[in-house]
Amino acid sequence: MDRERAFVVCLMAALLTLTVVMAGCTSSVTSNNTSSVSTQTSENVSMTTTTNATNETHREPITAVQGQNFAITLRSNPSTGYHWEPQFDSAALSLTNSLFVSDPNPHNLVGVPGSQVFTFQGLEKGPTTITFNNISPSQTITEQTVYTVTVT
């Protein structure tokens, strides 16, 4: 009888552990398929990522006023080890801030996804590009998102 009871307890513990692990896996899955762009006029434009062989997505063009800030927001979950790295012409643009904003987390869970907000300032008038590389923990570029910015 004790042996059967021990077996049932072990089985229940294994099932509970499996349930917790599976719940954790499904709740931490994020989608990097949406992003928004905010300019100094607070206009938000939502766009969706297309998946193709090169994993490169070109976003809607941005117009920025010289000397003023604008923000680009990308979905992110830094707890996974992946992160966004912007590449841009530092004569044309200046990165003034980068901030991670977590999604609502009423249960104080670890690893909640959110958005990475990059704030730039237009320095030099004319067109330029910003390429965001999504870098994996092994330092591989897994995705690229490209914005064309015209500073006026």
N, C-alpha and C. Protein backbone atom coordinates (compact mmCIF):
# COMPACT_ATOMS: atom_id res chain seq x y z
N MET A 1 0.82 -1.18 0.00
CA MET A 1 0.00 0.00 0.00
C MET A 1 0.87 1.26 0.00
N ASP A 2 1.94 1.26 0.83
CA ASP A 2 2.83 2.40 0.89
C ASP A 2 3.55 2.61 -0.44
N ARG A 3 3.86 1.51 -1.10
CA ARG A 3 4.54 1.59 -2.38
C ARG A 3 3.62 2.21 -3.43
N GLU A 4 2.37 1.83 -3.44
CA GLU A 4 1.39 2.40 -4.37
C GLU A 4 1.19 3.89 -4.10
N ARG A 5 1.12 4.22 -2.82
CA ARG A 5 0.93 5.63 -2.45
C ARG A 5 2.13 6.46 -2.88
N ALA A 6 3.34 5.95 -2.68
CA ALA A 6 4.55 6.66 -3.10
C ALA A 6 4.56 6.84 -4.61
N PHE A 7 4.15 5.81 -5.33
CA PHE A 7 4.08 5.90 -6.79
C PHE A 7 3.11 6.99 -7.23
N VAL A 8 1.92 7.02 -6.62
CA VAL A 8 0.91 8.02 -6.96
C VAL A 8 1.42 9.43 -6.65
N VAL A 9 2.07 9.60 -5.50
CA VAL A 9 2.61 10.90 -5.12
C VAL A 9 3.67 11.34 -6.12
N CYS A 10 4.57 10.44 -6.50
CA CYS A 10 5.60 10.77 -7.49
C CYS A 10 4.99 11.11 -8.84
N LEU A 11 3.98 10.35 -9.24
CA LEU A 11 3.30 10.60 -10.50
C LEU A 11 2.63 11.97 -10.49
N MET A 12 1.96 12.29 -9.39
CA MET A 12 1.29 13.60 -9.27
C MET A 12 2.32 14.73 -9.31
N ALA A 13 3.45 14.55 -8.62
CA ALA A 13 4.50 15.57 -8.61
C ALA A 13 5.05 15.77 -10.02
N ALA A 14 5.26 14.67 -10.74
CA ALA A 14 5.77 14.76 -12.11
C ALA A 14 4.78 15.48 -13.01
N LEU A 15 3.50 15.17 -12.89
CA LEU A 15 2.48 15.83 -13.69
C LEU A 15 2.38 17.31 -13.35
N LEU A 16 2.46 17.64 -12.08
CA LEU A 16 2.41 19.04 -11.66
C LEU A 16 3.62 19.80 -12.21
N THR A 17 4.79 19.19 -12.12
CA THR A 17 6.00 19.81 -12.65
C THR A 17 5.88 20.03 -14.15
N LEU A 18 5.41 19.04 -14.87
CA LEU A 18 5.22 19.15 -16.30
C LEU A 18 4.23 20.26 -16.63
N THR A 19 3.15 20.35 -15.89
CA THR A 19 2.15 21.39 -16.12
C THR A 19 2.76 22.77 -15.91
N VAL A 20 3.53 22.95 -14.85
CA VAL A 20 4.16 24.24 -14.57
C VAL A 20 5.15 24.61 -15.67
N VAL A 21 5.95 23.64 -16.10
CA VAL A 21 6.93 23.90 -17.16
C VAL A 21 6.22 24.27 -18.45
N MET A 22 5.19 23.54 -18.81
CA MET A 22 4.45 23.84 -20.05
C MET A 22 3.77 25.19 -19.96
N ALA A 23 3.20 25.53 -18.83
CA ALA A 23 2.55 26.83 -18.66
C ALA A 23 3.58 27.94 -18.79
N GLY A 24 4.74 27.73 -18.22
CA GLY A 24 5.81 28.73 -18.33
C GLY A 24 6.27 28.91 -19.76
N CYS A 25 6.35 27.82 -20.50
CA CYS A 25 6.77 27.89 -21.89
C CYS A 25 5.76 28.65 -22.74
N THR A 26 4.50 28.38 -22.54
CA THR A 26 3.51 29.05 -23.37
C THR A 26 3.32 30.50 -22.98
N SER A 27 3.54 30.84 -21.71
CA SER A 27 3.34 32.23 -21.32
C SER A 27 4.53 33.10 -21.67
N SER A 28 5.69 32.51 -21.96
CA SER A 28 6.84 33.33 -22.28
C SER A 28 7.09 33.45 -23.78
N VAL A 29 6.27 32.81 -24.59
CA VAL A 29 6.43 32.92 -26.02
C VAL A 29 5.98 34.31 -26.45
N THR A 30 6.83 34.98 -27.22
CA THR A 30 6.48 36.33 -27.66
C THR A 30 6.44 36.37 -29.17
N SER A 31 5.80 37.37 -29.65
CA SER A 31 5.73 37.58 -31.08
C SER A 31 6.40 38.89 -31.40
N ASN A 32 7.36 38.85 -32.27
CA ASN A 32 8.02 40.07 -32.72
C ASN A 32 7.40 40.54 -34.03
N ASN A 33 6.10 40.32 -34.18
CA ASN A 33 5.53 40.64 -35.48
C ASN A 33 4.82 41.98 -35.52
N THR A 34 4.90 42.77 -34.49
CA THR A 34 4.33 44.11 -34.57
C THR A 34 5.30 45.10 -33.97
N SER A 35 5.26 46.29 -34.50
CA SER A 35 6.02 47.38 -33.93
C SER A 35 5.29 48.66 -34.25
N SER A 36 5.64 49.71 -33.57
CA SER A 36 5.02 50.99 -33.85
C SER A 36 6.08 52.06 -33.90
N VAL A 37 5.76 53.13 -34.59
CA VAL A 37 6.66 54.25 -34.72
C VAL A 37 5.96 55.46 -34.15
N SER A 38 6.65 56.21 -33.30
CA SER A 38 6.10 57.44 -32.76
C SER A 38 7.00 58.59 -33.18
N THR A 39 6.41 59.65 -33.68
CA THR A 39 7.17 60.84 -34.00
C THR A 39 6.83 61.91 -32.98
N GLN A 40 7.44 63.08 -33.13
CA GLN A 40 7.21 64.15 -32.17
C GLN A 40 5.76 64.60 -32.17
N THR A 41 4.98 64.21 -33.18
CA THR A 41 3.57 64.58 -33.20
C THR A 41 2.71 63.53 -32.53
N SER A 42 3.35 62.52 -31.91
CA SER A 42 2.67 61.43 -31.20
C SER A 42 1.81 60.57 -32.12
N GLU A 43 2.09 60.59 -33.39
CA GLU A 43 1.36 59.75 -34.34
C GLU A 43 1.90 58.34 -34.25
N ASN A 44 1.02 57.35 -34.07
CA ASN A 44 1.45 55.96 -34.01
C ASN A 44 1.03 55.24 -35.28
N VAL A 45 1.95 54.50 -35.83
CA VAL A 45 1.68 53.72 -37.03
C VAL A 45 2.02 52.28 -36.70
N SER A 46 1.05 51.36 -36.81
CA SER A 46 1.32 49.96 -36.54
C SER A 46 1.62 49.25 -37.84
N MET A 47 2.61 48.36 -37.79
CA MET A 47 3.01 47.61 -38.96
C MET A 47 3.24 46.17 -38.56
N THR A 48 3.16 45.25 -39.51
CA THR A 48 3.42 43.86 -39.20
C THR A 48 4.65 43.39 -39.94
N THR A 49 5.37 42.50 -39.31
CA THR A 49 6.57 41.93 -39.89
C THR A 49 6.19 40.87 -40.91
N THR A 50 6.90 40.87 -42.01
CA THR A 50 6.72 39.79 -42.97
C THR A 50 7.90 38.85 -42.80
N THR A 51 7.63 37.59 -42.93
CA THR A 51 8.73 36.64 -42.84
C THR A 51 9.11 36.24 -44.25
N ASN A 52 10.39 36.34 -44.53
CA ASN A 52 10.90 35.93 -45.82
C ASN A 52 12.24 35.25 -45.60
N ALA A 53 12.88 34.84 -46.68
CA ALA A 53 14.10 34.05 -46.56
C ALA A 53 15.21 34.80 -45.83
N THR A 54 15.26 36.12 -45.99
CA THR A 54 16.35 36.88 -45.37
C THR A 54 15.96 37.44 -44.02
N ASN A 55 14.70 37.32 -43.61
CA ASN A 55 14.22 37.88 -42.35
C ASN A 55 14.49 39.37 -42.25
N GLU A 56 14.41 40.07 -43.38
CA GLU A 56 14.59 41.52 -43.40
C GLU A 56 13.25 42.15 -43.73
N THR A 57 12.86 43.12 -42.92
CA THR A 57 11.60 43.80 -43.10
C THR A 57 11.85 45.29 -43.23
N HIS A 58 11.25 45.90 -44.25
CA HIS A 58 11.34 47.34 -44.43
C HIS A 58 10.05 47.95 -43.91
N ARG A 59 10.18 48.92 -43.02
CA ARG A 59 9.04 49.56 -42.37
C ARG A 59 8.63 50.82 -43.11
N GLU A 60 7.49 51.36 -42.68
CA GLU A 60 7.00 52.62 -43.23
C GLU A 60 8.05 53.71 -43.00
N PRO A 61 8.24 54.61 -43.98
CA PRO A 61 9.21 55.70 -43.81
C PRO A 61 8.81 56.64 -42.66
N ILE A 62 9.81 57.26 -42.06
CA ILE A 62 9.60 58.19 -40.96
C ILE A 62 10.12 59.55 -41.39
N THR A 63 9.38 60.61 -41.07
CA THR A 63 9.85 61.98 -41.27
C THR A 63 10.08 62.58 -39.90
N ALA A 64 11.27 63.11 -39.69
CA ALA A 64 11.64 63.69 -38.40
C ALA A 64 12.12 65.12 -38.61
N VAL A 65 11.88 65.97 -37.63
CA VAL A 65 12.31 67.36 -37.69
C VAL A 65 13.72 67.46 -37.09
N GLN A 66 14.60 68.15 -37.81
CA GLN A 66 15.97 68.31 -37.34
C GLN A 66 15.98 68.92 -35.94
N GLY A 67 16.74 68.30 -35.04
CA GLY A 67 16.87 68.78 -33.68
C GLY A 67 15.81 68.27 -32.72
N GLN A 68 14.80 67.58 -33.23
CA GLN A 68 13.76 67.05 -32.37
C GLN A 68 13.85 65.53 -32.29
N ASN A 69 13.29 64.98 -31.21
CA ASN A 69 13.35 63.54 -30.97
C ASN A 69 12.20 62.81 -31.65
N PHE A 70 12.43 61.57 -32.00
CA PHE A 70 11.40 60.65 -32.44
C PHE A 70 11.74 59.28 -31.89
N ALA A 71 10.73 58.44 -31.75
CA ALA A 71 10.93 57.12 -31.13
C ALA A 71 10.50 56.00 -32.06
N ILE A 72 11.21 54.90 -31.96
CA ILE A 72 10.86 53.66 -32.66
C ILE A 72 10.73 52.59 -31.59
N THR A 73 9.61 51.87 -31.63
CA THR A 73 9.31 50.86 -30.62
C THR A 73 9.27 49.49 -31.28
N LEU A 74 10.03 48.55 -30.72
CA LEU A 74 10.07 47.18 -31.22
C LEU A 74 9.71 46.22 -30.09
N ARG A 75 8.95 45.18 -30.42
CA ARG A 75 8.62 44.14 -29.42
C ARG A 75 9.90 43.43 -29.04
N SER A 76 10.01 43.12 -27.74
CA SER A 76 11.25 42.54 -27.24
C SER A 76 10.98 41.72 -25.98
N ASN A 77 11.90 40.80 -25.70
CA ASN A 77 11.88 40.07 -24.44
C ASN A 77 13.33 39.77 -24.07
N PRO A 78 13.99 40.72 -23.41
CA PRO A 78 15.41 40.55 -23.12
C PRO A 78 15.73 39.34 -22.25
N SER A 79 14.75 38.82 -21.52
CA SER A 79 15.03 37.65 -20.67
C SER A 79 15.38 36.42 -21.50
N THR A 80 15.06 36.44 -22.80
CA THR A 80 15.40 35.31 -23.66
C THR A 80 16.84 35.36 -24.15
N GLY A 81 17.51 36.50 -23.93
CA GLY A 81 18.87 36.65 -24.43
C GLY A 81 18.93 37.35 -25.77
N TYR A 82 17.80 37.51 -26.43
CA TYR A 82 17.75 38.23 -27.69
C TYR A 82 17.64 39.72 -27.40
N HIS A 83 18.26 40.54 -28.25
CA HIS A 83 18.15 41.99 -28.08
C HIS A 83 18.31 42.68 -29.42
N TRP A 84 17.78 43.90 -29.50
CA TRP A 84 17.85 44.71 -30.71
C TRP A 84 19.07 45.64 -30.63
N GLU A 85 19.83 45.71 -31.73
CA GLU A 85 20.96 46.63 -31.84
C GLU A 85 20.75 47.49 -33.08
N PRO A 86 20.64 48.83 -32.90
CA PRO A 86 20.47 49.70 -34.06
C PRO A 86 21.80 50.04 -34.72
N GLN A 87 21.78 50.13 -36.04
CA GLN A 87 22.92 50.61 -36.82
C GLN A 87 22.43 51.81 -37.61
N PHE A 88 23.17 52.92 -37.52
CA PHE A 88 22.73 54.15 -38.19
C PHE A 88 23.94 55.05 -38.39
N ASP A 89 23.77 56.06 -39.24
CA ASP A 89 24.81 57.05 -39.49
C ASP A 89 24.80 58.06 -38.35
N SER A 90 25.85 58.08 -37.55
CA SER A 90 25.88 58.96 -36.38
C SER A 90 26.04 60.43 -36.75
N ALA A 91 26.34 60.73 -38.00
CA ALA A 91 26.36 62.13 -38.43
C ALA A 91 24.93 62.62 -38.70
N ALA A 92 24.04 61.69 -39.06
CA ALA A 92 22.66 62.06 -39.39
C ALA A 92 21.72 61.94 -38.20
N LEU A 93 21.98 60.97 -37.32
CA LEU A 93 21.09 60.70 -36.19
C LEU A 93 21.90 60.48 -34.92
N SER A 94 21.26 60.75 -33.80
CA SER A 94 21.86 60.47 -32.50
C SER A 94 20.88 59.63 -31.70
N LEU A 95 21.35 58.52 -31.12
CA LEU A 95 20.52 57.71 -30.23
C LEU A 95 20.57 58.37 -28.87
N THR A 96 19.44 58.93 -28.42
CA THR A 96 19.43 59.67 -27.15
C THR A 96 18.97 58.81 -25.98
N ASN A 97 18.25 57.71 -26.26
CA ASN A 97 17.77 56.87 -25.16
C ASN A 97 17.32 55.52 -25.70
N SER A 98 17.45 54.50 -24.88
CA SER A 98 16.92 53.17 -25.16
C SER A 98 16.34 52.65 -23.85
N LEU A 99 15.07 52.29 -23.88
CA LEU A 99 14.37 51.92 -22.65
C LEU A 99 13.47 50.72 -22.91
N PHE A 100 13.55 49.70 -22.03
CA PHE A 100 12.65 48.56 -22.11
C PHE A 100 11.43 48.85 -21.25
N VAL A 101 10.25 48.66 -21.84
CA VAL A 101 8.99 48.86 -21.13
C VAL A 101 8.27 47.51 -21.10
N SER A 102 8.14 46.94 -19.91
CA SER A 102 7.52 45.64 -19.74
C SER A 102 6.02 45.71 -19.99
N ASP A 103 5.46 44.64 -20.54
CA ASP A 103 4.01 44.52 -20.64
C ASP A 103 3.45 44.46 -19.22
N PRO A 104 2.15 44.70 -19.06
CA PRO A 104 1.56 44.58 -17.72
C PRO A 104 1.89 43.22 -17.10
N ASN A 105 2.21 43.24 -15.82
CA ASN A 105 2.66 42.03 -15.13
C ASN A 105 2.07 42.00 -13.73
N PRO A 106 0.75 41.81 -13.62
CA PRO A 106 0.11 41.88 -12.31
C PRO A 106 0.55 40.77 -11.34
N HIS A 107 1.10 39.69 -11.85
CA HIS A 107 1.51 38.58 -10.99
C HIS A 107 3.02 38.57 -10.74
N ASN A 108 3.70 39.64 -11.17
CA ASN A 108 5.15 39.78 -10.98
C ASN A 108 5.93 38.57 -11.49
N LEU A 109 5.57 38.09 -12.67
CA LEU A 109 6.26 36.96 -13.28
C LEU A 109 7.61 37.40 -13.84
N VAL A 110 8.54 36.48 -13.90
CA VAL A 110 9.85 36.74 -14.48
C VAL A 110 9.78 36.46 -15.98
N GLY A 111 10.45 37.28 -16.78
CA GLY A 111 10.54 37.01 -18.21
C GLY A 111 9.38 37.53 -19.03
N VAL A 112 8.66 38.51 -18.52
CA VAL A 112 7.51 39.05 -19.26
C VAL A 112 8.03 39.89 -20.43
N PRO A 113 7.47 39.70 -21.62
CA PRO A 113 7.91 40.50 -22.77
C PRO A 113 7.44 41.94 -22.66
N GLY A 114 7.85 42.72 -23.60
CA GLY A 114 7.45 44.12 -23.63
C GLY A 114 7.93 44.78 -24.90
N SER A 115 8.33 46.04 -24.79
CA SER A 115 8.77 46.81 -25.94
C SER A 115 10.07 47.53 -25.62
N GLN A 116 10.95 47.57 -26.61
CA GLN A 116 12.18 48.35 -26.49
C GLN A 116 11.92 49.65 -27.25
N VAL A 117 12.05 50.77 -26.55
CA VAL A 117 11.79 52.09 -27.13
C VAL A 117 13.13 52.77 -27.36
N PHE A 118 13.44 53.03 -28.64
CA PHE A 118 14.67 53.71 -29.03
C PHE A 118 14.31 55.15 -29.39
N THR A 119 14.95 56.12 -28.74
CA THR A 119 14.69 57.52 -29.03
C THR A 119 15.90 58.10 -29.76
N PHE A 120 15.63 58.69 -30.91
CA PHE A 120 16.67 59.28 -31.75
C PHE A 120 16.41 60.77 -31.90
N GLN A 121 17.46 61.49 -32.28
CA GLN A 121 17.33 62.89 -32.63
C GLN A 121 17.91 63.06 -34.03
N GLY A 122 17.16 63.77 -34.88
CA GLY A 122 17.65 64.06 -36.23
C GLY A 122 18.69 65.17 -36.17
N LEU A 123 19.88 64.90 -36.72
CA LEU A 123 20.96 65.88 -36.67
C LEU A 123 21.18 66.58 -38.00
N GLU A 124 21.14 65.81 -39.07
CA GLU A 124 21.49 66.33 -40.39
C GLU A 124 20.32 66.12 -41.34
N LYS A 125 19.95 67.17 -42.06
CA LYS A 125 18.82 67.07 -42.99
C LYS A 125 19.14 66.11 -44.11
N GLY A 126 18.09 65.37 -44.53
CA GLY A 126 18.22 64.44 -45.63
C GLY A 126 17.79 63.04 -45.24
N PRO A 127 17.82 62.12 -46.22
CA PRO A 127 17.42 60.73 -45.94
C PRO A 127 18.56 59.92 -45.32
N THR A 128 18.19 58.99 -44.46
CA THR A 128 19.14 58.06 -43.86
C THR A 128 18.38 56.80 -43.48
N THR A 129 19.07 55.78 -43.05
CA THR A 129 18.39 54.54 -42.65
C THR A 129 18.86 54.13 -41.25
N ILE A 130 17.97 53.43 -40.57
CA ILE A 130 18.30 52.77 -39.31
C ILE A 130 17.99 51.29 -39.52
N THR A 131 18.97 50.44 -39.29
CA THR A 131 18.78 49.00 -39.36
C THR A 131 18.87 48.44 -37.96
N PHE A 132 17.80 47.79 -37.52
CA PHE A 132 17.80 47.13 -36.22
C PHE A 132 18.08 45.65 -36.44
N ASN A 133 19.12 45.15 -35.80
CA ASN A 133 19.45 43.74 -35.86
C ASN A 133 18.98 43.07 -34.58
N ASN A 134 18.22 41.99 -34.71
CA ASN A 134 17.81 41.20 -33.55
C ASN A 134 18.91 40.16 -33.35
N ILE A 135 19.65 40.31 -32.25
CA ILE A 135 20.83 39.50 -31.99
C ILE A 135 20.47 38.38 -31.01
N SER A 136 20.83 37.15 -31.36
CA SER A 136 20.57 35.98 -30.50
C SER A 136 21.65 35.89 -29.42
N PRO A 137 21.43 35.03 -28.42
CA PRO A 137 22.46 34.83 -27.40
C PRO A 137 23.80 34.36 -27.98
N SER A 138 23.77 33.70 -29.13
CA SER A 138 25.01 33.26 -29.77
C SER A 138 25.59 34.32 -30.71
N GLN A 139 25.06 35.55 -30.59
CA GLN A 139 25.52 36.71 -31.37
C GLN A 139 25.25 36.58 -32.86
N THR A 140 24.19 35.87 -33.23
CA THR A 140 23.76 35.73 -34.61
C THR A 140 22.63 36.69 -34.88
N ILE A 141 22.64 37.34 -36.04
CA ILE A 141 21.53 38.20 -36.43
C ILE A 141 20.39 37.30 -36.91
N THR A 142 19.27 37.33 -36.21
CA THR A 142 18.15 36.47 -36.56
C THR A 142 17.08 37.20 -37.36
N GLU A 143 17.09 38.51 -37.32
CA GLU A 143 16.07 39.31 -37.98
C GLU A 143 16.61 40.72 -38.15
N GLN A 144 16.22 41.37 -39.25
CA GLN A 144 16.57 42.77 -39.45
C GLN A 144 15.31 43.56 -39.75
N THR A 145 15.22 44.74 -39.16
CA THR A 145 14.12 45.66 -39.42
C THR A 145 14.74 46.98 -39.84
N VAL A 146 14.33 47.49 -41.01
CA VAL A 146 14.96 48.67 -41.59
C VAL A 146 13.94 49.80 -41.69
N TYR A 147 14.34 50.96 -41.22
CA TYR A 147 13.52 52.18 -41.32
C TYR A 147 14.28 53.20 -42.15
N THR A 148 13.58 53.85 -43.08
CA THR A 148 14.12 54.98 -43.80
C THR A 148 13.61 56.23 -43.09
N VAL A 149 14.55 57.10 -42.70
CA VAL A 149 14.20 58.32 -41.97
C VAL A 149 14.63 59.51 -42.82
N THR A 150 13.70 60.45 -43.00
CA THR A 150 14.04 61.71 -43.68
C THR A 150 13.98 62.81 -42.64
N VAL A 151 15.12 63.45 -42.42
CA VAL A 151 15.22 64.57 -41.47
C VAL A 151 14.98 65.85 -42.26
N THR A 152 13.99 66.64 -41.80
CA THR A 152 13.65 67.89 -42.50
C THR A 152 14.05 69.10 -41.70
